[in-house]
Protein backbone atom coordinates (compact mmCIF):
# COMPACT_ATOMS: atom_id res chain seq x y z
CA MET A 1 7.05 11.08 -5.58
CA ILE A 2 8.39 7.88 -4.04
CA LEU A 3 6.28 4.86 -4.33
CA HIS A 4 6.56 2.60 -1.16
CA LEU A 5 5.67 -0.99 -1.93
CA ILE A 6 4.63 -2.62 1.35
CA PHE A 7 4.94 -6.37 1.22
CA SER A 8 5.33 -7.12 5.09
CA PRO A 9 2.47 -7.77 7.33
CA SER A 10 4.47 -6.01 10.08
CA THR A 11 3.08 -2.69 11.32
CA GLN A 12 6.70 -1.74 11.98
CA SER A 13 7.58 -1.68 8.23
CA LEU A 14 4.67 0.46 7.32
CA GLN A 15 5.57 2.80 10.28
CA GLN A 16 9.14 3.14 9.12
CA ALA A 17 8.04 4.00 5.54
CA MET A 18 5.69 6.57 6.85
CA GLU A 19 8.27 8.15 9.02
CA LEU A 20 10.66 8.41 5.96
CA SER A 21 7.96 9.55 3.49
CA MET A 22 6.99 13.04 2.24
CA PRO A 23 3.39 14.06 1.93
CA VAL A 24 3.45 13.45 -1.88
CA ASP A 25 4.73 9.87 -1.60
CA ARG A 26 2.37 6.98 -2.12
CA PHE A 27 1.96 3.51 -0.66
CA VAL A 28 0.89 0.17 -2.20
CA LEU A 29 0.07 -2.75 0.07
CA LEU A 30 0.92 -6.00 -1.78
CA GLY A 31 1.23 -9.66 -0.81
CA ASP A 32 1.14 -10.09 2.91
CA GLY A 33 1.33 -6.38 3.28
CA VAL A 34 -2.42 -6.18 2.84
CA THR A 35 -2.82 -7.82 6.24
CA VAL A 36 -1.12 -4.87 7.95
CA THR A 37 -3.52 -3.88 10.83
CA HIS A 38 -3.40 -0.03 10.47
CA ALA A 39 -3.67 0.35 6.73
CA SER A 40 -5.99 3.30 7.23
CA ALA A 41 -2.85 5.16 8.46
CA VAL A 42 -1.91 5.84 4.89
CA ALA A 43 -5.47 7.00 3.97
CA HIS A 44 -5.71 8.95 0.71
CA ARG A 45 -2.05 8.05 -0.04
CA GLY A 46 -2.45 4.35 -0.03
CA TYR A 47 -3.48 1.62 -2.68
CA TYR A 48 -4.24 -1.96 -2.71
CA ARG A 49 -5.14 -4.72 -5.20
CA PRO A 50 -8.53 -6.22 -4.51
CA ILE A 51 -7.22 -9.58 -5.58
CA GLU A 52 -4.59 -9.59 -2.80
CA VAL A 53 -7.36 -8.99 -0.28
CA ASP A 54 -9.55 -11.58 -1.70
CA GLN A 55 -6.81 -14.25 -1.94
CA ARG A 56 -6.15 -13.90 1.70
CA GLY A 57 -9.86 -14.11 2.59
CA LEU A 58 -9.96 -10.71 4.00
CA ALA A 59 -13.17 -8.78 4.24
CA HIS A 60 -13.26 -5.44 2.52
CA ALA A 61 -13.34 -3.87 6.03
CA GLU A 62 -13.48 -0.25 7.14
CA CYS A 63 -9.68 0.37 6.62
CA TRP A 64 -10.02 -0.47 2.98
CA GLN A 65 -12.37 2.39 2.48
CA ALA A 66 -9.61 4.87 3.20
CA LEU A 67 -7.38 3.31 0.46
CA THR A 68 -7.86 3.18 -3.22
CA ALA A 69 -8.34 -0.09 -5.10
CA ILE A 70 -6.10 -0.35 -8.30
CA SER A 71 -5.75 -2.77 -11.14
CA ASP A 72 -2.44 -4.22 -12.36
CA GLU A 73 -2.47 -1.64 -15.12
CA GLN A 74 -2.81 1.26 -12.68
CA TRP A 75 -0.11 -0.25 -10.52
CA VAL A 76 2.22 -0.18 -13.43
CA GLU A 77 1.34 3.48 -14.24
CA LEU A 78 1.83 4.41 -10.68
CA THR A 79 5.22 2.63 -10.71
CA LEU A 80 6.31 4.31 -13.80
CA SER A 81 5.24 7.82 -12.53
CA ALA A 82 7.36 7.57 -9.44
CA THR A 83 10.82 8.99 -9.30
CA GLN A 84 11.80 6.14 -6.86
CA VAL A 85 10.33 2.84 -5.80
CA VAL A 86 11.13 1.40 -2.48
CA SER A 87 10.20 -2.14 -1.31
CA TRP A 88 9.55 -2.87 2.34
CA SER A 89 9.48 -6.58 3.34
């Protein structure tokens, strides 16, 4: 499993990551990446940290319902379980 860390608010970065991903790969939206407009595109393969959403004053909108909220500890576990980690910024 490759873990894709999406730091960019650009939909283009997420789209490129999705095109290169396999079904077993996972995505974590971090930093300004939580503002990407079509986050629900990685439904059931995507994660976010609630603190990132709250810090940017974003409402926990519909798109977040398709993603899984994770803690820092879970983020570390996910990173350690990945065979490769790719950052998109």
